[in-house]
Amino acid sequence: MMRMNDSPALLACCPLQYCYTEAARQRSSTQATNTSGGICLFHQNSLKVRRLPFVDNASFEFICVRILHPSVLFIVICRPGSSPATDLFFDEFADVVERTALGTSPIIIAGDLNVHFAIADDSAAAKLSNVLKTYGLILHISQPTHVRSHTLDVFITRSDQIIEAVNVDPPLLSDHSLIVASVDLHIPPVYTVSRHARRSWRSLDVDVFVEGPPTVDTGAGGTIRR
């Protein structure tokens, strides 16, 4: 299977001083050369990012990484297609949330769930809202994110995280909006640890120091000092 990191398109759109973590969607037997898509997370080279191992889900695609400094869990998720969300999707989504939200690190979940959050009586939106509420998470998007005025994309964090801004731009190059968020994350200071050897002056015997080192009789009519 051709992987996304072999794709010229992915390499071409990666900005300078950035790298990425990807999960290619396996192509069908009828596709000759290219993958049929997938998901990708771009991040600055200066960030230390470790991908967390998860078993692949059948109902959606996702990547979960831990940004080490500061410590943040970042999940990129996509439920492809426009078919209604199934019970399997809710079970697998709740499993991922449970495995990540029970810790203490800040969490960011971003992506496309293809669930109509703006429809008040939508049963799928109600089920997802209950899952988020159970684990203390909150959805920060309420306006349409699709050309057909649907709210399909998500930006989810813990309810106690500080979100400075979430901007949803009108769809232009894609049928989905560009969502830009600003999150206040505490970055711990970097300390440099050094070791120094020094004498314990409090234990210094001044009289012995003034007297000097002891003399030793060499037995040959002379003495030496140690």
Protein backbone atom coordinates (compact mmCIF):
# COMPACT_ATOMS: atom_id res chain seq x y z
CA MET A 1 0.00 0.00 0.00
CA MET A 2 1.29 3.43 -0.87
CA ARG A 3 1.55 5.57 2.24
CA MET A 4 0.69 9.24 2.53
CA ASN A 5 4.27 10.13 3.41
CA ASP A 6 5.20 8.89 -0.08
CA SER A 7 2.64 11.21 -1.66
CA PRO A 8 4.08 14.19 -3.57
CA ALA A 9 0.96 16.19 -2.69
CA LEU A 10 1.53 15.71 1.02
CA LEU A 11 5.21 16.58 0.76
CA ALA A 12 4.41 19.66 -1.31
CA CYS A 13 1.86 21.08 1.13
CA CYS A 14 4.04 20.60 4.22
CA PRO A 15 5.30 24.09 5.25
CA LEU A 16 8.96 24.81 5.90
CA GLN A 17 10.15 23.90 9.40
CA TYR A 18 7.14 21.61 9.79
CA CYS A 19 6.71 17.86 9.78
CA TYR A 20 3.70 15.61 10.04
CA THR A 21 2.14 12.47 11.44
CA GLU A 22 -0.21 10.68 9.07
CA ALA A 23 -2.58 7.75 8.73
CA ALA A 24 -3.28 6.70 5.16
CA ARG A 25 -6.61 5.17 4.25
CA GLN A 26 -6.11 1.80 2.60
CA ARG A 27 -7.09 1.91 -1.03
CA SER A 28 -9.43 -0.59 -2.58
CA SER A 29 -8.32 -3.20 -5.08
CA THR A 30 -9.69 -1.07 -7.94
CA GLN A 31 -7.40 1.88 -7.19
CA ALA A 32 -4.20 1.54 -9.13
CA THR A 33 -1.69 4.05 -7.77
CA ASN A 34 -3.02 6.42 -5.14
CA THR A 35 -4.43 6.09 -1.68
CA SER A 36 -8.07 7.01 -1.22
CA GLY A 37 -7.25 9.62 1.40
CA GLY A 38 -6.57 9.62 5.11
CA ILE A 39 -5.74 12.11 7.84
CA CYS A 40 -2.63 14.06 8.69
CA LEU A 41 -1.37 16.29 11.51
CA PHE A 42 1.20 18.98 10.68
CA HIS A 43 3.30 20.41 13.50
CA GLN A 44 6.40 22.53 13.92
CA ASN A 45 9.73 20.77 13.99
CA SER A 46 10.49 22.33 17.37
CA LEU A 47 7.68 20.36 19.03
CA LYS A 48 8.41 16.92 20.39
CA VAL A 49 5.51 14.75 19.28
CA ARG A 50 4.94 11.06 20.04
CA ARG A 51 2.18 9.08 18.40
CA LEU A 52 0.17 6.97 20.83
CA PRO A 53 -0.65 3.40 19.82
CA PHE A 54 -4.33 2.67 19.31
CA VAL A 55 -6.16 -0.17 17.64
CA ASP A 56 -7.71 0.96 14.36
CA ASN A 57 -11.42 1.65 14.51
CA ALA A 58 -13.88 0.49 11.90
CA SER A 59 -16.20 3.51 12.01
CA PHE A 60 -13.76 6.45 11.83
CA GLU A 61 -10.14 7.39 11.24
CA PHE A 62 -8.01 9.18 13.79
CA ILE A 63 -4.52 10.01 14.97
CA CYS A 64 -3.69 10.54 18.62
CA VAL A 65 -0.38 12.17 19.54
CA ARG A 66 1.14 13.55 22.72
CA ILE A 67 2.93 16.86 22.46
CA LEU A 68 5.60 16.57 25.15
CA HIS A 69 6.41 20.23 25.86
CA PRO A 70 3.86 21.36 26.86
CA SER A 71 2.10 18.08 27.58
CA VAL A 72 -1.01 18.04 25.39
CA LEU A 73 -3.04 15.23 23.84
CA PHE A 74 -4.04 16.08 20.28
CA ILE A 75 -6.54 13.93 18.37
CA VAL A 76 -7.35 14.40 14.69
CA ILE A 77 -10.49 12.50 13.74
CA CYS A 78 -12.59 11.96 10.64
CA ARG A 79 -15.73 9.92 10.06
CA PRO A 80 -15.75 9.65 6.26
CA GLY A 81 -18.92 9.52 4.24
CA SER A 82 -22.34 11.00 4.85
CA SER A 83 -24.13 7.92 6.17
CA PRO A 84 -25.83 8.21 9.58
CA ALA A 85 -23.66 7.52 12.63
CA THR A 86 -24.08 3.98 13.92
CA ASP A 87 -23.96 2.50 17.41
CA LEU A 88 -20.49 1.19 16.56
CA PHE A 89 -19.32 4.75 15.96
CA PHE A 90 -20.58 5.95 19.33
CA ASP A 91 -19.03 2.95 21.11
CA GLU A 92 -15.64 3.45 19.44
CA PHE A 93 -15.68 7.21 19.90
CA ALA A 94 -16.55 6.85 23.60
CA ASP A 95 -13.72 4.32 23.98
CA VAL A 96 -11.15 6.75 22.53
CA VAL A 97 -12.45 9.58 24.71
CA GLU A 98 -12.37 7.42 27.83
CA ARG A 99 -8.78 6.34 27.19
CA THR A 100 -7.59 9.92 26.74
CA ALA A 101 -9.84 12.16 28.84
CA LEU A 102 -9.31 10.38 32.17
CA GLY A 103 -5.78 11.76 32.46
CA THR A 104 -4.77 15.24 33.54
CA SER A 105 -3.24 16.57 30.31
CA PRO A 106 -5.09 19.15 28.22
CA ILE A 107 -6.93 17.60 25.27
CA ILE A 108 -7.70 18.93 21.81
CA ILE A 109 -9.96 16.96 19.46
CA ALA A 110 -10.32 18.40 15.96
CA GLY A 111 -11.78 17.04 12.78
CA ASP A 112 -14.91 16.12 10.86
CA LEU A 113 -17.46 13.83 12.51
CA ASN A 114 -20.19 14.30 9.88
CA VAL A 115 -22.77 14.78 12.63
CA HIS A 116 -25.28 17.66 12.38
CA PHE A 117 -24.58 19.44 15.65
CA ALA A 118 -26.66 22.49 14.69
CA ILE A 119 -29.89 20.47 14.46
CA ALA A 120 -31.48 20.57 17.88
CA ASP A 121 -33.42 17.30 17.58
CA ASP A 122 -30.67 15.30 15.83
CA SER A 123 -30.29 12.06 17.78
CA ALA A 124 -26.63 11.57 16.80
CA ALA A 125 -25.73 15.07 17.98
CA ALA A 126 -27.53 14.41 21.28
CA LYS A 127 -25.61 11.15 21.82
CA LEU A 128 -22.27 12.81 21.12
CA SER A 129 -23.12 15.70 23.43
CA ASN A 130 -23.83 13.21 26.21
CA VAL A 131 -20.45 11.51 25.65
CA LEU A 132 -18.64 14.85 25.82
CA LYS A 133 -20.54 15.89 28.95
CA THR A 134 -19.75 12.59 30.66
CA TYR A 135 -16.01 13.17 30.30
CA GLY A 136 -15.98 16.91 30.97
CA LEU A 137 -15.42 17.95 27.35
CA ILE A 138 -16.97 20.83 25.44
CA LEU A 139 -17.53 21.62 21.75
CA HIS A 140 -16.47 25.16 20.83
CA ILE A 141 -18.16 25.39 17.42
CA SER A 142 -21.81 26.29 16.94
CA GLN A 143 -21.86 27.94 13.48
CA PRO A 144 -21.97 26.15 10.10
CA THR A 145 -18.71 24.63 8.86
CA HIS A 146 -19.93 23.34 5.48
CA VAL A 147 -21.05 24.91 2.22
CA ARG A 148 -24.55 23.52 2.81
CA SER A 149 -24.75 25.30 6.17
CA HIS A 150 -24.19 22.15 8.21
CA THR A 151 -22.13 22.08 11.42
CA LEU A 152 -20.03 18.97 10.84
CA ASP A 153 -16.55 19.85 12.10
CA VAL A 154 -15.47 19.92 15.73
CA PHE A 155 -12.98 21.60 18.01
CA ILE A 156 -13.27 19.96 21.43
CA THR A 157 -11.33 20.52 24.65
CA ARG A 158 -11.75 20.04 28.37
CA SER A 159 -14.32 22.40 29.81
CA ASP A 160 -11.68 24.05 32.05
CA GLN A 161 -9.17 24.78 29.28
CA ILE A 162 -8.70 28.41 28.28
CA ILE A 163 -9.72 29.00 24.66
CA GLU A 164 -8.82 32.49 23.53
CA ALA A 165 -10.52 32.35 20.12
CA VAL A 166 -12.12 29.96 17.62
CA ASN A 167 -12.58 31.42 14.13
CA VAL A 168 -14.59 29.64 11.42
CA ASP A 169 -13.85 31.00 7.95
CA PRO A 170 -16.30 30.52 5.04
CA PRO A 171 -15.49 27.53 2.80
CA LEU A 172 -13.27 28.53 -0.12
CA LEU A 173 -10.89 25.90 -1.47
CA SER A 174 -12.82 23.09 0.22
CA ASP A 175 -16.47 22.42 0.95
CA HIS A 176 -15.52 22.64 4.65
CA SER A 177 -14.51 25.73 6.59
CA LEU A 178 -11.04 26.56 7.81
CA ILE A 179 -11.12 26.58 11.61
CA VAL A 180 -8.37 28.49 13.43
CA ALA A 181 -8.23 28.31 17.22
CA SER A 182 -6.01 29.96 19.79
CA VAL A 183 -5.49 27.95 22.98
CA ASP A 184 -3.75 29.10 26.13
CA LEU A 185 -1.41 26.30 27.16
CA HIS A 186 0.94 26.60 30.09
CA ILE A 187 4.48 25.96 28.89
CA PRO A 188 6.70 24.91 31.79
CA PRO A 189 10.02 26.76 32.09
CA VAL A 190 13.17 24.99 31.00
CA TYR A 191 15.72 24.63 33.78
CA THR A 192 19.41 23.90 33.25
CA VAL A 193 20.81 21.50 35.83
CA SER A 194 24.51 21.84 36.65
CA ARG A 195 26.75 20.26 39.28
CA HIS A 196 29.49 22.07 41.21
CA ALA A 197 32.04 20.56 43.62
CA ARG A 198 33.06 22.76 46.55
CA ARG A 199 34.61 22.45 49.97
CA SER A 200 32.59 22.41 53.15
CA TRP A 201 34.13 25.50 54.78
CA ARG A 202 32.04 25.09 57.92
CA SER A 203 33.97 21.93 58.81
CA LEU A 204 37.39 23.61 58.30
CA ASP A 205 39.62 23.51 61.40
CA VAL A 206 41.44 26.85 61.22
CA ASP A 207 44.15 25.87 63.76
CA VAL A 208 45.08 22.72 61.86
CA PHE A 209 45.09 24.70 58.60
CA VAL A 210 47.48 27.32 60.07
CA GLU A 211 49.75 24.66 61.54
CA GLY A 212 50.18 23.09 58.12
CA PRO A 213 50.52 19.43 57.13
CA PRO A 214 52.06 17.03 59.66
CA THR A 215 55.78 16.14 59.49
CA VAL A 216 57.01 12.58 59.07
CA ASP A 217 60.41 11.29 60.18
CA THR A 218 62.02 9.58 57.23
CA GLY A 219 64.53 7.75 59.48
CA ALA A 220 67.47 9.20 57.53
CA GLY A 221 67.96 12.39 59.50
CA GLY A 222 65.30 14.31 57.63
CA THR A 223 61.63 15.01 57.66
CA ILE A 224 59.01 15.57 54.98
CA ARG A 225 55.64 17.20 55.13
CA ARG A 226 52.56 15.49 53.81
